[in-house]
Amino acid sequence: IGAFGQGLMIIQLSREAAFMRILGVTKKRVRCILVFEQVVLCFAGLFIVTEGLLLYNLELMIRSTSTLVVCGLLYLTGSLCGATGASVLVTRRKALELLQVKE
């Protein structure tokens, strides 16, 4: 779920990536920016879920901490892989091709 969602999100951002490339930003930097955005959003989501669970039921949070950590790390890994793959896919194409894509 993490890889698929992050990948789709970055593919939707292909126009922004094309604008950055036209303005002279290197492919590597564009890839890093796209991946960093998605990883920050992933961390924010995990933080909000953790805080919500703490507010909802502290005992449940204490009992399921190990499971939540493993699931969070798996989600973060999947998100990182999906974001990296999609950012390479988007930045590999020419910038003008990305701008001409019809939605």
N, C-alpha and C. Protein backbone atom coordinates (compact mmCIF):
# COMPACT_ATOMS: atom_id res chain seq x y z
N ILE A 1 0.84 -1.19 0.00
CA ILE A 1 0.00 0.00 0.00
C ILE A 1 0.88 1.24 0.00
N GLY A 2 1.92 1.22 0.81
CA GLY A 2 2.79 2.39 0.88
C GLY A 2 3.49 2.65 -0.44
N ALA A 3 4.02 1.62 -1.05
CA ALA A 3 4.75 1.79 -2.31
C ALA A 3 3.82 2.26 -3.42
N PHE A 4 2.65 1.66 -3.51
CA PHE A 4 1.70 2.00 -4.57
C PHE A 4 1.19 3.43 -4.41
N GLY A 5 0.83 3.79 -3.19
CA GLY A 5 0.31 5.14 -2.95
C GLY A 5 1.34 6.22 -3.20
N GLN A 6 2.55 6.01 -2.73
CA GLN A 6 3.61 6.99 -2.93
C GLN A 6 3.98 7.09 -4.40
N GLY A 7 4.00 5.96 -5.08
CA GLY A 7 4.32 5.96 -6.51
C GLY A 7 3.32 6.75 -7.32
N LEU A 8 2.03 6.53 -7.04
CA LEU A 8 1.00 7.29 -7.74
C LEU A 8 1.09 8.78 -7.45
N MET A 9 1.40 9.11 -6.23
CA MET A 9 1.51 10.52 -5.85
C MET A 9 2.63 11.20 -6.63
N ILE A 10 3.75 10.55 -6.76
CA ILE A 10 4.87 11.16 -7.48
C ILE A 10 4.60 11.23 -8.97
N ILE A 11 3.93 10.23 -9.53
CA ILE A 11 3.58 10.29 -10.95
C ILE A 11 2.64 11.47 -11.20
N GLN A 12 1.76 11.77 -10.24
CA GLN A 12 0.91 12.95 -10.38
C GLN A 12 1.71 14.24 -10.31
N LEU A 13 2.87 14.22 -9.69
CA LEU A 13 3.72 15.40 -9.56
C LEU A 13 4.71 15.53 -10.71
N SER A 14 4.51 14.80 -11.79
CA SER A 14 5.47 14.83 -12.89
C SER A 14 5.57 16.21 -13.52
N ARG A 15 4.49 16.96 -13.54
CA ARG A 15 4.54 18.31 -14.11
C ARG A 15 5.43 19.22 -13.27
N GLU A 16 5.34 19.11 -11.94
CA GLU A 16 6.21 19.91 -11.08
C GLU A 16 7.68 19.53 -11.27
N ALA A 17 7.92 18.23 -11.46
CA ALA A 17 9.28 17.77 -11.71
C ALA A 17 9.80 18.35 -13.03
N ALA A 18 8.93 18.42 -14.03
CA ALA A 18 9.33 18.99 -15.32
C ALA A 18 9.66 20.47 -15.18
N PHE A 19 8.87 21.20 -14.40
CA PHE A 19 9.16 22.62 -14.18
C PHE A 19 10.51 22.80 -13.50
N MET A 20 10.80 21.96 -12.52
CA MET A 20 12.09 22.06 -11.84
C MET A 20 13.24 21.76 -12.80
N ARG A 21 13.06 20.75 -13.65
CA ARG A 21 14.10 20.41 -14.62
C ARG A 21 14.32 21.55 -15.60
N ILE A 22 13.26 22.20 -16.06
CA ILE A 22 13.38 23.31 -17.00
C ILE A 22 14.09 24.49 -16.33
N LEU A 23 13.87 24.69 -15.04
CA LEU A 23 14.51 25.78 -14.33
C LEU A 23 15.99 25.50 -14.02
N GLY A 24 16.46 24.30 -14.35
CA GLY A 24 17.88 24.02 -14.22
C GLY A 24 18.27 23.15 -13.05
N VAL A 25 17.31 22.58 -12.36
CA VAL A 25 17.62 21.69 -11.25
C VAL A 25 18.06 20.34 -11.81
N THR A 26 19.08 19.75 -11.23
CA THR A 26 19.59 18.47 -11.73
C THR A 26 18.59 17.34 -11.46
N LYS A 27 18.73 16.27 -12.23
CA LYS A 27 17.84 15.12 -12.06
C LYS A 27 17.96 14.53 -10.66
N LYS A 28 19.17 14.44 -10.18
CA LYS A 28 19.40 13.86 -8.85
C LYS A 28 18.71 14.68 -7.77
N ARG A 29 18.81 16.01 -7.88
CA ARG A 29 18.18 16.87 -6.88
C ARG A 29 16.65 16.78 -6.95
N VAL A 30 16.10 16.70 -8.16
CA VAL A 30 14.65 16.56 -8.31
C VAL A 30 14.19 15.25 -7.69
N ARG A 31 14.94 14.19 -7.92
CA ARG A 31 14.59 12.89 -7.32
C ARG A 31 14.61 12.98 -5.79
N CYS A 32 15.64 13.61 -5.26
CA CYS A 32 15.74 13.75 -3.81
C CYS A 32 14.59 14.57 -3.24
N ILE A 33 14.21 15.64 -3.93
CA ILE A 33 13.10 16.47 -3.47
C ILE A 33 11.79 15.68 -3.46
N LEU A 34 11.53 14.94 -4.54
CA LEU A 34 10.29 14.16 -4.62
C LEU A 34 10.23 13.09 -3.55
N VAL A 35 11.34 12.40 -3.33
CA VAL A 35 11.36 11.34 -2.31
C VAL A 35 11.24 11.94 -0.92
N PHE A 36 11.96 13.04 -0.67
CA PHE A 36 11.94 13.67 0.64
C PHE A 36 10.53 14.15 1.01
N GLU A 37 9.80 14.71 0.04
CA GLU A 37 8.42 15.14 0.30
C GLU A 37 7.57 13.97 0.79
N GLN A 38 7.66 12.85 0.10
CA GLN A 38 6.83 11.70 0.46
C GLN A 38 7.23 11.08 1.78
N VAL A 39 8.51 11.05 2.07
CA VAL A 39 8.97 10.48 3.35
C VAL A 39 8.53 11.37 4.51
N VAL A 40 8.59 12.68 4.34
CA VAL A 40 8.12 13.59 5.39
C VAL A 40 6.62 13.40 5.63
N LEU A 41 5.86 13.26 4.56
CA LEU A 41 4.42 13.01 4.71
C LEU A 41 4.16 11.67 5.41
N CYS A 42 4.98 10.67 5.11
CA CYS A 42 4.83 9.37 5.75
C CYS A 42 5.11 9.46 7.25
N PHE A 43 6.19 10.17 7.62
CA PHE A 43 6.49 10.36 9.04
C PHE A 43 5.39 11.14 9.75
N ALA A 44 4.86 12.14 9.08
CA ALA A 44 3.77 12.94 9.68
C ALA A 44 2.54 12.06 9.91
N GLY A 45 2.23 11.22 8.95
CA GLY A 45 1.09 10.31 9.11
C GLY A 45 1.29 9.32 10.24
N LEU A 46 2.48 8.76 10.33
CA LEU A 46 2.76 7.82 11.42
C LEU A 46 2.69 8.52 12.78
N PHE A 47 3.17 9.75 12.85
CA PHE A 47 3.12 10.51 14.10
C PHE A 47 1.68 10.80 14.49
N ILE A 48 0.85 11.19 13.55
CA ILE A 48 -0.56 11.50 13.84
C ILE A 48 -1.29 10.25 14.30
N VAL A 49 -1.03 9.13 13.65
CA VAL A 49 -1.68 7.88 14.05
C VAL A 49 -1.25 7.48 15.46
N THR A 50 0.02 7.62 15.76
CA THR A 50 0.52 7.27 17.09
C THR A 50 -0.11 8.17 18.16
N GLU A 51 -0.15 9.45 17.89
CA GLU A 51 -0.78 10.38 18.85
C GLU A 51 -2.26 10.08 19.03
N GLY A 52 -2.94 9.76 17.94
CA GLY A 52 -4.36 9.42 18.03
C GLY A 52 -4.60 8.17 18.85
N LEU A 53 -3.75 7.18 18.68
CA LEU A 53 -3.88 5.95 19.46
C LEU A 53 -3.57 6.19 20.93
N LEU A 54 -2.60 7.05 21.20
CA LEU A 54 -2.29 7.40 22.59
C LEU A 54 -3.48 8.10 23.26
N LEU A 55 -4.11 8.99 22.53
CA LEU A 55 -5.26 9.69 23.09
C LEU A 55 -6.48 8.78 23.23
N TYR A 56 -6.63 7.84 22.30
CA TYR A 56 -7.80 6.98 22.32
C TYR A 56 -7.73 5.94 23.43
N ASN A 57 -6.60 5.22 23.50
CA ASN A 57 -6.50 4.15 24.49
C ASN A 57 -5.02 3.89 24.79
N LEU A 58 -4.55 4.36 25.92
CA LEU A 58 -3.15 4.22 26.30
C LEU A 58 -2.76 2.76 26.51
N GLU A 59 -3.64 1.95 27.11
CA GLU A 59 -3.32 0.54 27.34
C GLU A 59 -3.13 -0.22 26.03
N LEU A 60 -3.98 0.08 25.07
CA LEU A 60 -3.86 -0.56 23.76
C LEU A 60 -2.54 -0.18 23.10
N MET A 61 -2.14 1.05 23.25
CA MET A 61 -0.87 1.51 22.69
C MET A 61 0.31 0.78 23.34
N ILE A 62 0.26 0.61 24.63
CA ILE A 62 1.35 -0.06 25.35
C ILE A 62 1.43 -1.53 24.95
N ARG A 63 0.28 -2.20 24.82
CA ARG A 63 0.27 -3.62 24.47
C ARG A 63 0.72 -3.88 23.04
N SER A 64 0.45 -2.96 22.15
CA SER A 64 0.72 -3.22 20.73
C SER A 64 1.89 -2.41 20.18
N THR A 65 2.77 -1.95 21.04
CA THR A 65 3.90 -1.13 20.60
C THR A 65 4.81 -1.87 19.62
N SER A 66 5.16 -3.11 19.92
CA SER A 66 6.07 -3.84 19.04
C SER A 66 5.45 -4.08 17.66
N THR A 67 4.18 -4.42 17.62
CA THR A 67 3.50 -4.62 16.35
C THR A 67 3.42 -3.32 15.56
N LEU A 68 3.12 -2.23 16.25
CA LEU A 68 3.03 -0.94 15.57
C LEU A 68 4.38 -0.49 15.02
N VAL A 69 5.45 -0.77 15.73
CA VAL A 69 6.78 -0.40 15.25
C VAL A 69 7.12 -1.19 13.99
N VAL A 70 6.86 -2.48 13.99
CA VAL A 70 7.15 -3.31 12.82
C VAL A 70 6.31 -2.87 11.63
N CYS A 71 5.02 -2.65 11.85
CA CYS A 71 4.15 -2.20 10.75
C CYS A 71 4.55 -0.82 10.25
N GLY A 72 4.93 0.06 11.14
CA GLY A 72 5.38 1.39 10.74
C GLY A 72 6.65 1.34 9.91
N LEU A 73 7.59 0.48 10.31
CA LEU A 73 8.83 0.33 9.54
C LEU A 73 8.58 -0.29 8.18
N LEU A 74 7.67 -1.25 8.12
CA LEU A 74 7.33 -1.85 6.82
C LEU A 74 6.67 -0.82 5.91
N TYR A 75 5.77 -0.02 6.48
CA TYR A 75 5.11 1.03 5.69
C TYR A 75 6.12 2.07 5.21
N LEU A 76 7.02 2.46 6.09
CA LEU A 76 8.05 3.43 5.72
C LEU A 76 8.97 2.88 4.64
N THR A 77 9.35 1.61 4.75
CA THR A 77 10.20 0.99 3.74
C THR A 77 9.49 0.91 2.39
N GLY A 78 8.23 0.49 2.42
CA GLY A 78 7.46 0.43 1.18
C GLY A 78 7.28 1.80 0.56
N SER A 79 7.04 2.80 1.38
CA SER A 79 6.88 4.16 0.88
C SER A 79 8.17 4.67 0.26
N LEU A 80 9.27 4.39 0.92
CA LEU A 80 10.57 4.83 0.40
C LEU A 80 10.88 4.15 -0.93
N CYS A 81 10.62 2.86 -1.03
CA CYS A 81 10.87 2.15 -2.28
C CYS A 81 9.96 2.65 -3.40
N GLY A 82 8.69 2.83 -3.09
CA GLY A 82 7.76 3.33 -4.11
C GLY A 82 8.09 4.73 -4.56
N ALA A 83 8.44 5.59 -3.62
CA ALA A 83 8.79 6.97 -3.96
C ALA A 83 10.07 7.02 -4.78
N THR A 84 11.05 6.21 -4.42
CA THR A 84 12.31 6.18 -5.17
C THR A 84 12.09 5.68 -6.59
N GLY A 85 11.37 4.59 -6.71
CA GLY A 85 11.10 4.04 -8.05
C GLY A 85 10.33 5.00 -8.94
N ALA A 86 9.31 5.62 -8.39
CA ALA A 86 8.50 6.55 -9.18
C ALA A 86 9.27 7.81 -9.53
N SER A 87 10.12 8.29 -8.62
CA SER A 87 10.88 9.50 -8.92
C SER A 87 11.91 9.23 -10.02
N VAL A 88 12.49 8.04 -10.03
CA VAL A 88 13.42 7.68 -11.12
C VAL A 88 12.65 7.58 -12.43
N LEU A 89 11.47 6.99 -12.39
CA LEU A 89 10.64 6.85 -13.58
C LEU A 89 10.25 8.21 -14.15
N VAL A 90 9.89 9.13 -13.27
CA VAL A 90 9.46 10.46 -13.71
C VAL A 90 10.62 11.28 -14.25
N THR A 91 11.75 11.27 -13.57
CA THR A 91 12.86 12.12 -13.98
C THR A 91 13.67 11.54 -15.13
N ARG A 92 13.45 10.29 -15.47
CA ARG A 92 14.17 9.69 -16.58
C ARG A 92 13.69 10.25 -17.92
N ARG A 93 12.43 10.67 -17.98
CA ARG A 93 11.87 11.21 -19.21
C ARG A 93 12.32 12.64 -19.42
N LYS A 94 12.20 13.12 -20.64
CA LYS A 94 12.57 14.50 -20.95
C LYS A 94 11.52 15.44 -20.36
N ALA A 95 11.98 16.63 -19.97
CA ALA A 95 11.09 17.58 -19.31
C ALA A 95 9.95 18.03 -20.22
N LEU A 96 10.23 18.24 -21.48
CA LEU A 96 9.18 18.68 -22.39
C LEU A 96 8.13 17.60 -22.61
N GLU A 97 8.53 16.34 -22.57
CA GLU A 97 7.55 15.25 -22.67
C GLU A 97 6.59 15.27 -21.49
N LEU A 98 7.12 15.54 -20.30
CA LEU A 98 6.29 15.56 -19.10
C LEU A 98 5.30 16.71 -19.13
N LEU A 99 5.66 17.82 -19.75
CA LEU A 99 4.75 18.96 -19.83
C LEU A 99 3.65 18.75 -20.86
N GLN A 100 3.86 17.89 -21.85
CA GLN A 100 2.89 17.69 -22.89
C GLN A 100 1.90 16.57 -22.58
N VAL A 101 2.02 15.92 -21.44
CA VAL A 101 1.12 14.84 -21.07
C VAL A 101 -0.27 15.40 -20.80
N LYS A 102 -1.27 14.82 -21.44
CA LYS A 102 -2.65 15.27 -21.21
C LYS A 102 -3.25 14.45 -20.10
N GLU A 103 -4.00 15.11 -19.24
CA GLU A 103 -4.60 14.42 -18.11
C GLU A 103 -6.03 14.06 -18.39
